[in-house]
N, C-alpha and C. Protein backbone atom coordinates (compact mmCIF):
# COMPACT_ATOMS: atom_id res chain seq x y z
N MET A 1 0.78 -1.16 -0.07
CA MET A 1 -0.04 0.17 -0.17
C MET A 1 1.09 1.17 -0.10
N LYS A 2 0.70 2.11 -1.07
CA LYS A 2 1.61 3.26 -0.87
C LYS A 2 0.61 4.32 0.22
N PRO A 3 1.58 4.88 0.82
CA PRO A 3 1.28 6.10 1.77
C PRO A 3 0.63 7.40 1.23
N ASN A 4 -0.31 8.00 1.53
CA ASN A 4 -1.01 8.93 0.57
C ASN A 4 -0.40 10.15 1.43
N TYR A 5 -0.42 11.22 1.33
CA TYR A 5 -0.23 13.12 1.87
C TYR A 5 -0.66 13.03 3.40
N PHE A 6 -1.81 12.18 3.84
CA PHE A 6 -2.08 12.17 5.06
C PHE A 6 -0.84 10.76 5.93
N THR A 7 -0.59 10.26 5.82
CA THR A 7 -0.22 9.09 6.11
C THR A 7 1.15 9.53 5.82
N ASN A 8 2.43 10.50 4.95
CA ASN A 8 3.29 10.66 5.23
C ASN A 8 3.55 11.82 6.00
N GLY A 9 2.53 12.88 5.93
CA GLY A 9 2.69 13.65 7.42
C GLY A 9 2.56 13.11 8.77
N LEU A 10 2.04 12.01 8.98
CA LEU A 10 1.70 11.89 10.60
C LEU A 10 3.00 10.62 10.54
N SER A 11 3.60 10.26 9.00
CA SER A 11 4.53 9.65 9.81
C SER A 11 6.12 10.52 10.37
N THR A 12 5.81 11.58 9.40
CA THR A 12 7.24 12.34 9.45
C THR A 12 6.96 12.92 11.10
N VAL A 13 5.82 13.56 11.36
CA VAL A 13 5.66 13.91 12.80
C VAL A 13 5.97 12.86 13.85
N GLY A 14 5.22 11.83 13.98
CA GLY A 14 5.80 10.72 14.38
C GLY A 14 7.35 10.41 14.62
N ARG A 15 8.05 10.20 13.62
CA ARG A 15 9.45 10.32 13.48
C ARG A 15 10.12 11.56 14.71
N TRP A 16 9.41 12.94 14.04
CA TRP A 16 10.30 13.69 15.11
C TRP A 16 9.86 13.55 17.10
N LEU A 17 8.47 13.27 16.75
CA LEU A 17 8.23 12.99 18.46
C LEU A 17 9.12 11.89 18.68
N ALA A 18 8.97 11.09 18.16
CA ALA A 18 9.83 9.92 18.99
C ALA A 18 11.62 10.15 19.48
N THR A 19 12.26 11.18 18.22
CA THR A 19 13.36 11.70 18.47
C THR A 19 13.86 12.18 19.53
N THR A 20 12.24 13.48 19.37
CA THR A 20 12.55 14.38 20.66
C THR A 20 12.26 13.64 22.03
N LEU A 21 11.38 12.56 22.13
CA LEU A 21 11.50 11.61 23.26
C LEU A 21 12.62 11.19 23.34
N LEU A 22 13.46 10.29 22.58
CA LEU A 22 14.56 10.01 22.92
C LEU A 22 15.70 10.94 23.31
N CYS A 23 15.96 12.12 22.67
CA CYS A 23 16.86 13.11 23.43
C CYS A 23 16.56 13.37 24.45
N LEU A 24 14.98 13.74 25.43
CA LEU A 24 14.81 14.18 26.29
C LEU A 24 15.26 12.74 27.33
N CYS A 25 14.95 11.97 27.36
CA CYS A 25 15.40 10.74 28.18
C CYS A 25 16.65 10.57 28.05
N ALA A 26 17.76 10.64 27.47
CA ALA A 26 18.90 10.60 26.89
C ALA A 26 19.48 12.20 27.88
N ILE A 27 18.81 13.62 28.06
CA ILE A 27 19.12 14.23 29.06
C ILE A 27 19.14 14.10 30.16
N THR A 28 17.78 13.43 30.54
CA THR A 28 17.40 13.41 31.43
C THR A 28 18.02 12.60 32.49
N PHE A 29 18.68 10.95 31.86
CA PHE A 29 19.55 9.98 32.87
C PHE A 29 20.53 10.74 32.75
N VAL A 30 21.02 11.88 31.67
CA VAL A 30 22.80 12.69 32.15
C VAL A 30 22.47 13.52 33.39
N TRP A 31 21.55 14.36 33.26
CA TRP A 31 21.07 15.06 34.69
C TRP A 31 21.26 14.49 35.66
N GLN A 32 20.62 12.87 35.64
CA GLN A 32 19.93 12.62 37.20
C GLN A 32 21.38 11.75 37.71
N GLY A 33 22.61 11.26 36.49
CA GLY A 33 23.66 11.36 37.05
C GLY A 33 24.45 11.71 37.40
N ALA A 34 24.42 13.29 37.35
CA ALA A 34 25.23 14.45 38.34
C ALA A 34 25.00 14.39 39.58
N PHE A 35 23.34 14.34 39.58
CA PHE A 35 23.42 13.97 41.57
C PHE A 35 23.61 13.02 42.12
N PHE A 36 23.81 12.03 41.59
CA PHE A 36 24.26 10.97 42.40
C PHE A 36 25.99 10.63 42.46
N SER A 37 26.76 11.92 41.93
CA SER A 37 28.41 11.03 41.80
C SER A 37 28.41 11.03 43.40
N ASN A 38 28.23 11.43 44.40
CA ASN A 38 28.45 11.20 45.61
C ASN A 38 27.84 10.20 46.51
N ASN A 39 28.03 9.18 46.34
CA ASN A 39 27.24 8.28 46.59
C ASN A 39 27.59 7.41 48.17
N SER A 40 28.05 8.09 48.56
CA SER A 40 28.76 7.90 49.85
C SER A 40 27.58 7.93 50.60
N ALA A 41 26.70 8.64 50.74
CA ALA A 41 25.67 8.99 51.66
C ALA A 41 24.49 8.11 51.24
N ILE A 42 24.69 7.63 50.15
CA ILE A 42 23.58 6.31 50.14
C ILE A 42 23.76 5.07 50.04
N ALA A 43 25.29 4.56 50.42
CA ALA A 43 25.42 3.13 50.41
C ALA A 43 25.48 2.68 51.95
N ALA A 44 25.21 1.73 51.78
CA ALA A 44 24.88 1.17 53.14
C ALA A 44 25.89 -0.14 53.12
N PRO A 45 25.95 -0.66 54.45
CA PRO A 45 26.83 -2.17 54.61
C PRO A 45 26.34 -2.83 53.92
N ALA A 46 27.72 -3.66 53.45
CA ALA A 46 27.01 -4.96 52.82
C ALA A 46 26.06 -6.32 53.67
N LYS A 47 26.77 -5.91 54.70
CA LYS A 47 25.93 -7.10 55.88
C LYS A 47 24.67 -6.69 56.13
N LEU A 48 24.26 -5.05 56.10
CA LEU A 48 22.59 -4.84 56.66
C LEU A 48 22.30 -5.62 55.27
N ILE A 49 22.46 -4.99 53.83
CA ILE A 49 21.93 -5.66 52.78
C ILE A 49 21.57 -7.37 52.62
N ALA A 50 22.49 -7.61 52.89
CA ALA A 50 22.36 -9.13 52.54
C ALA A 50 21.25 -9.92 53.90
N ALA A 51 21.43 -9.09 54.94
CA ALA A 51 20.54 -9.79 56.28
C ALA A 51 19.30 -9.26 55.89
N ASP A 52 18.93 -7.75 55.39
CA ASP A 52 17.80 -7.61 54.61
C ASP A 52 16.90 -8.80 53.64
N VAL A 53 17.61 -8.31 52.99
CA VAL A 53 17.47 -9.36 51.63
C VAL A 53 16.78 -11.14 51.61
N GLY A 54 17.95 -11.25 52.61
CA GLY A 54 18.09 -12.46 53.30
C GLY A 54 16.87 -12.67 53.77
N ALA A 55 16.37 -12.21 54.70
CA ALA A 55 15.30 -12.35 55.83
C ALA A 55 13.74 -12.23 54.79
N GLN A 56 13.82 -11.54 53.58
CA GLN A 56 12.76 -11.05 52.69
C GLN A 56 12.86 -12.38 51.78
N VAL A 57 13.54 -12.98 51.29
CA VAL A 57 13.57 -14.42 50.89
C VAL A 57 13.34 -15.16 51.18
N LYS A 58 13.51 -15.48 52.65
CA LYS A 58 13.11 -16.64 53.45
C LYS A 58 11.58 -16.21 53.90
N GLY A 59 11.06 -14.90 54.11
CA GLY A 59 9.97 -15.04 54.17
C GLY A 59 8.91 -15.23 53.00
N ALA A 60 9.79 -15.24 51.83
CA ALA A 60 8.73 -15.14 50.70
C ALA A 60 9.11 -16.77 49.95
N ALA A 61 10.34 -17.43 50.79
CA ALA A 61 10.17 -18.67 50.30
C ALA A 61 8.64 -18.97 51.41
N ASP A 62 8.59 -18.88 52.37
CA ASP A 62 7.77 -19.58 53.51
C ASP A 62 6.39 -19.62 53.20
N GLU A 63 6.38 -18.08 52.38
CA GLU A 63 4.72 -17.93 51.85
C GLU A 63 4.59 -18.98 50.49
N VAL A 64 5.40 -19.15 49.57
CA VAL A 64 5.21 -19.66 48.48
C VAL A 64 5.42 -21.29 48.77
N ARG A 65 6.15 -21.53 50.15
CA ARG A 65 5.88 -23.42 50.53
C ARG A 65 3.94 -23.24 50.68
N GLY A 66 3.80 -22.48 51.72
CA GLY A 66 2.49 -22.40 52.33
C GLY A 66 1.29 -22.65 50.87
N ARG A 67 1.30 -21.37 49.99
CA ARG A 67 0.25 -21.31 49.06
C ARG A 67 0.88 -23.00 48.27
N SER A 68 1.63 -23.45 47.76
CA SER A 68 1.72 -24.55 47.36
C SER A 68 1.02 -25.83 47.67
N LYS A 69 1.72 -25.59 49.59
CA LYS A 69 0.90 -27.12 49.73
C LYS A 69 -0.57 -26.85 50.04
N ASP A 70 -1.32 -25.93 50.20
CA ASP A 70 -2.70 -25.41 50.18
C ASP A 70 -3.25 -25.94 48.65
N LEU A 71 -2.42 -25.82 47.78
CA LEU A 71 -2.77 -25.73 46.10
C LEU A 71 -2.94 -27.39 46.47
N ILE A 72 -1.93 -27.91 46.64
CA ILE A 72 -1.93 -29.26 46.57
C ILE A 72 -2.41 -29.96 47.15
N ARG A 73 -2.76 -29.65 48.39
CA ARG A 73 -3.89 -30.57 49.39
C ARG A 73 -5.54 -30.00 48.46
N ASP A 74 -5.44 -28.84 48.25
CA ASP A 74 -7.08 -28.77 47.38
C ASP A 74 -6.94 -29.32 46.07
N THR A 75 -6.23 -30.15 45.12
CA THR A 75 -6.30 -30.42 44.15
C THR A 75 -6.55 -32.11 44.67
N GLN A 76 -5.83 -32.32 45.56
CA GLN A 76 -6.12 -33.94 46.41
C GLN A 76 -7.70 -34.04 46.47
N ASN A 77 -8.07 -33.35 47.51
CA ASN A 77 -9.45 -33.38 47.63
C ASN A 77 -10.50 -33.19 46.56
N LYS A 78 -10.16 -32.17 45.51
CA LYS A 78 -11.00 -32.35 44.29
C LYS A 78 -10.87 -33.93 43.85
N VAL A 79 -10.04 -34.41 43.80
CA VAL A 79 -9.41 -35.41 42.72
C VAL A 79 -10.45 -36.65 43.78
N GLU A 80 -10.12 -36.59 44.88
CA GLU A 80 -10.83 -37.60 45.84
C GLU A 80 -12.53 -37.36 45.27
N GLU A 81 -13.07 -36.10 45.53
CA GLU A 81 -14.38 -36.00 45.65
C GLU A 81 -14.75 -36.11 44.26
N THR A 82 -14.35 -36.14 43.23
CA THR A 82 -14.62 -36.52 41.84
C THR A 82 -14.60 -38.18 41.62
N ALA A 83 -13.82 -38.46 42.52
CA ALA A 83 -13.80 -39.83 42.45
C ALA A 83 -15.49 -40.46 43.53
N ASN A 84 -15.30 -40.15 43.96
CA ASN A 84 -16.67 -40.36 45.24
C ASN A 84 -17.99 -40.01 44.62
N LYS A 85 -18.07 -39.28 43.76
CA LYS A 85 -19.23 -38.65 43.28
C LYS A 85 -19.26 -39.62 41.73
N ASN A 86 -17.87 -40.19 41.33
CA ASN A 86 -18.38 -41.17 40.04
C ASN A 86 -18.98 -42.82 40.66
N ALA A 87 -18.34 -42.57 41.58
CA ALA A 87 -18.52 -43.89 42.33
C ALA A 87 -20.12 -43.38 42.77
N ALA A 88 -20.72 -42.88 43.26
CA ALA A 88 -22.05 -42.62 43.58
C ALA A 88 -23.15 -42.88 42.51
N LYS A 89 -22.53 -42.30 41.22
CA LYS A 89 -23.50 -42.24 40.42
C LYS A 89 -23.52 -43.57 39.77
N VAL A 90 -22.40 -44.66 39.88
CA VAL A 90 -22.27 -45.68 39.25
C VAL A 90 -23.35 -46.35 40.64
N ASP A 91 -23.30 -46.35 41.83
CA ASP A 91 -24.14 -47.25 42.67
C ASP A 91 -25.49 -46.83 42.41
N GLU A 92 -26.08 -45.48 42.07
CA GLU A 92 -26.75 -45.11 42.04
C GLU A 92 -27.56 -45.89 40.51
N ALA A 93 -26.94 -46.03 39.93
CA ALA A 93 -27.61 -46.44 38.45
C ALA A 93 -27.93 -48.49 38.70
N ASP A 94 -26.81 -48.63 39.56
CA ASP A 94 -27.30 -50.10 39.58
C ASP A 94 -26.89 -50.61 40.83
N ASP A 95 -28.05 -50.99 41.51
CA ASP A 95 -28.35 -51.35 42.52
C ASP A 95 -28.39 -52.69 43.03
N GLU A 96 -27.83 -53.58 42.62
CA GLU A 96 -27.68 -55.09 42.32
C GLU A 96 -26.17 -55.46 43.16
N GLY A 97 -25.45 -54.66 43.14
CA GLY A 97 -23.91 -55.12 43.44
C GLY A 97 -23.02 -55.51 42.35
N SER A 98 -23.58 -54.93 40.92
CA SER A 98 -22.72 -56.05 39.97
C SER A 98 -21.41 -55.44 39.63
N VAL A 99 -20.69 -55.92 38.59
CA VAL A 99 -19.03 -55.94 37.90
C VAL A 99 -18.80 -54.55 38.25
N VAL A 100 -19.49 -53.80 37.64
CA VAL A 100 -19.30 -52.04 37.27
C VAL A 100 -19.24 -51.84 38.46
N GLU A 101 -20.10 -52.00 39.70
CA GLU A 101 -19.92 -51.22 40.99
C GLU A 101 -19.03 -51.89 41.53
N ARG A 102 -18.70 -53.06 41.64
CA ARG A 102 -17.40 -53.09 41.97
C ARG A 102 -16.26 -52.58 41.38
N LYS A 103 -16.33 -52.47 40.52
CA LYS A 103 -15.28 -52.28 39.91
C LYS A 103 -14.96 -50.15 40.26
N ALA A 104 -15.66 -49.89 39.82
CA ALA A 104 -16.36 -48.14 40.52
C ALA A 104 -15.76 -47.96 41.54
N LYS A 105 -15.83 -49.10 42.51
CA LYS A 105 -15.93 -48.73 44.01
C LYS A 105 -13.98 -48.79 43.98
N ARG A 106 -13.26 -49.95 43.42
CA ARG A 106 -12.13 -50.61 43.32
C ARG A 106 -11.63 -48.66 43.40
N ASP A 107 -11.99 -48.31 41.81
CA ASP A 107 -11.27 -47.22 40.75
C ASP A 107 -11.31 -46.15 41.87
N LYS A 108 -12.13 -45.69 42.79
CA LYS A 108 -12.59 -44.83 43.54
C LYS A 108 -11.14 -45.25 44.62
N ASN A 109 -11.40 -46.38 45.14
CA ASN A 109 -10.18 -46.26 46.35
C ASN A 109 -8.70 -46.15 45.68
N ARG A 110 -8.36 -46.75 44.42
CA ARG A 110 -7.35 -46.33 44.28
C ARG A 110 -6.73 -45.47 43.73
N ILE A 111 -7.91 -44.34 43.05
CA ILE A 111 -7.52 -43.14 43.23
C ILE A 111 -7.39 -42.09 44.44
N GLU A 112 -8.20 -42.60 45.42
CA GLU A 112 -7.73 -41.74 47.06
C GLU A 112 -6.60 -42.21 46.95
N LYS A 113 -6.31 -43.21 47.07
CA LYS A 113 -4.75 -43.97 47.25
C LYS A 113 -3.87 -42.93 46.40
N ARG A 114 -3.97 -42.84 45.19
CA ARG A 114 -2.58 -42.59 44.46
C ARG A 114 -2.85 -40.70 44.95
N ALA A 115 -3.71 -40.11 44.75
CA ALA A 115 -3.89 -38.99 45.00
C ALA A 115 -3.05 -38.72 46.05
N GLU A 116 -3.22 -39.60 47.27
CA GLU A 116 -2.44 -39.12 48.30
C GLU A 116 -1.55 -39.08 48.54
N GLU A 117 -0.42 -40.25 47.43
CA GLU A 117 1.12 -40.60 47.58
C GLU A 117 0.99 -39.20 46.45
N ASP A 118 0.49 -39.25 45.48
CA ASP A 118 1.10 -37.97 44.81
C ASP A 118 1.12 -36.85 45.40
N ALA A 119 0.02 -36.36 46.31
CA ALA A 119 0.47 -35.18 47.35
C ALA A 119 1.31 -35.14 48.35
N ASN A 120 1.70 -36.20 48.74
CA ASN A 120 2.36 -36.44 49.80
C ASN A 120 3.77 -36.27 48.88
N ARG A 121 4.21 -37.25 48.07
CA ARG A 121 5.49 -36.85 47.08
C ARG A 121 5.89 -35.37 46.40
N THR A 122 4.74 -34.33 46.24
CA THR A 122 4.85 -33.04 45.53
C THR A 122 5.16 -32.50 47.00
N GLU A 123 4.25 -32.34 48.00
CA GLU A 123 4.70 -31.67 49.29
C GLU A 123 5.88 -31.99 49.66
N LYS A 124 7.01 -33.54 49.60
CA LYS A 124 8.37 -33.70 49.79
C LYS A 124 8.85 -32.68 48.55
N ALA A 125 9.17 -32.56 47.71
CA ALA A 125 9.71 -31.99 46.44
C ALA A 125 9.85 -30.45 46.90
N VAL A 126 8.15 -29.83 47.52
CA VAL A 126 8.70 -28.46 47.28
C VAL A 126 9.49 -27.98 48.85
N ASP A 127 9.16 -28.77 49.55
CA ASP A 127 9.93 -28.55 51.32
C ASP A 127 11.06 -28.74 50.55
N LYS A 128 12.31 -29.57 49.85
CA LYS A 128 13.06 -29.90 49.16
C LYS A 128 13.63 -28.59 48.43
N SER A 129 12.78 -27.65 48.06
CA SER A 129 13.49 -26.66 46.82
C SER A 129 13.25 -25.62 47.62
N MET A 130 12.19 -25.54 48.94
CA MET A 130 12.29 -24.44 49.79
C MET A 130 13.28 -24.39 50.52
N ASN A 131 13.77 -26.31 50.61
CA ASN A 131 15.53 -26.22 51.59
C ASN A 131 16.60 -25.53 51.29
N ALA A 132 16.40 -25.63 49.69
CA ALA A 132 17.34 -25.44 49.38
C ALA A 132 17.54 -23.88 48.98
N VAL A 133 16.50 -23.18 48.31
CA VAL A 133 16.85 -21.83 48.39
C VAL A 133 17.31 -21.19 50.00
N LYS A 134 16.48 -21.59 50.97
CA LYS A 134 17.16 -21.15 52.03
C LYS A 134 19.00 -21.44 52.04
N GLY A 135 19.00 -22.99 51.80
CA GLY A 135 20.43 -22.99 52.32
C GLY A 135 21.56 -21.53 51.28
N ALA A 136 20.56 -21.77 50.03
CA ALA A 136 21.63 -20.88 49.40
C ALA A 136 21.42 -19.20 49.84
N VAL A 137 20.55 -18.85 50.35
CA VAL A 137 20.44 -17.73 50.73
C VAL A 137 21.04 -17.39 51.97
N ASP A 138 21.55 -18.78 53.36
CA ASP A 138 22.19 -18.64 54.26
C ASP A 138 23.61 -18.23 53.85
N ASN A 139 23.97 -19.23 52.55
CA ASN A 139 25.25 -19.46 52.28
C ASN A 139 25.98 -17.76 51.43
N ILE A 140 25.00 -17.03 50.63
CA ILE A 140 25.15 -15.64 50.37
C ILE A 140 25.42 -14.77 51.82
N LYS A 141 24.37 -15.09 52.97
CA LYS A 141 24.74 -14.25 53.97
C LYS A 141 25.96 -14.06 54.52
N ASP A 142 26.46 -15.57 54.45
CA ASP A 142 27.90 -16.03 54.95
C ASP A 142 28.89 -15.71 54.41
N ALA A 143 28.44 -15.67 52.75
CA ALA A 143 29.76 -14.87 51.89
C ALA A 143 29.90 -13.10 52.45
N PHE A 144 28.83 -12.71 52.50
CA PHE A 144 28.59 -11.23 52.78
C PHE A 144 28.99 -10.70 54.08
N SER A 145 28.77 -11.42 55.21
CA SER A 145 29.71 -11.43 56.35
C SER A 145 30.72 -11.33 56.85
N LYS A 146 31.56 -12.24 56.09
CA LYS A 146 32.83 -12.32 56.49
C LYS A 146 33.59 -11.20 56.01
């Protein structure tokens, strides 16, 4: 598509605006750099910074651990609830204790057992990951404190 008179003018104005904005940003960054030339008043000891960040990371790790475990348990409960609903539907459909009903009950028990095992295994993995994060934070804090 060939640009017409209106789009040519709009394109030119857009280029000028972009160039002006870029120049103003560059001037602003250079200007702000002059105010921070004496950063001795800004700098804090590395020990305080490492301790503060370490505490924040550990707090965040605990929060993630708690949320992850809640999510895992909620998922386990939903799976077990669905298995119970399916078994109840089969039970309601057939009152005679047929092969299908017995199989549905076995499946329900198997699904609940596997949901419990999966939830426990996943919680252990979450604990292991969070302990690794906390260990790394402790190692970093020890490195800065020396």
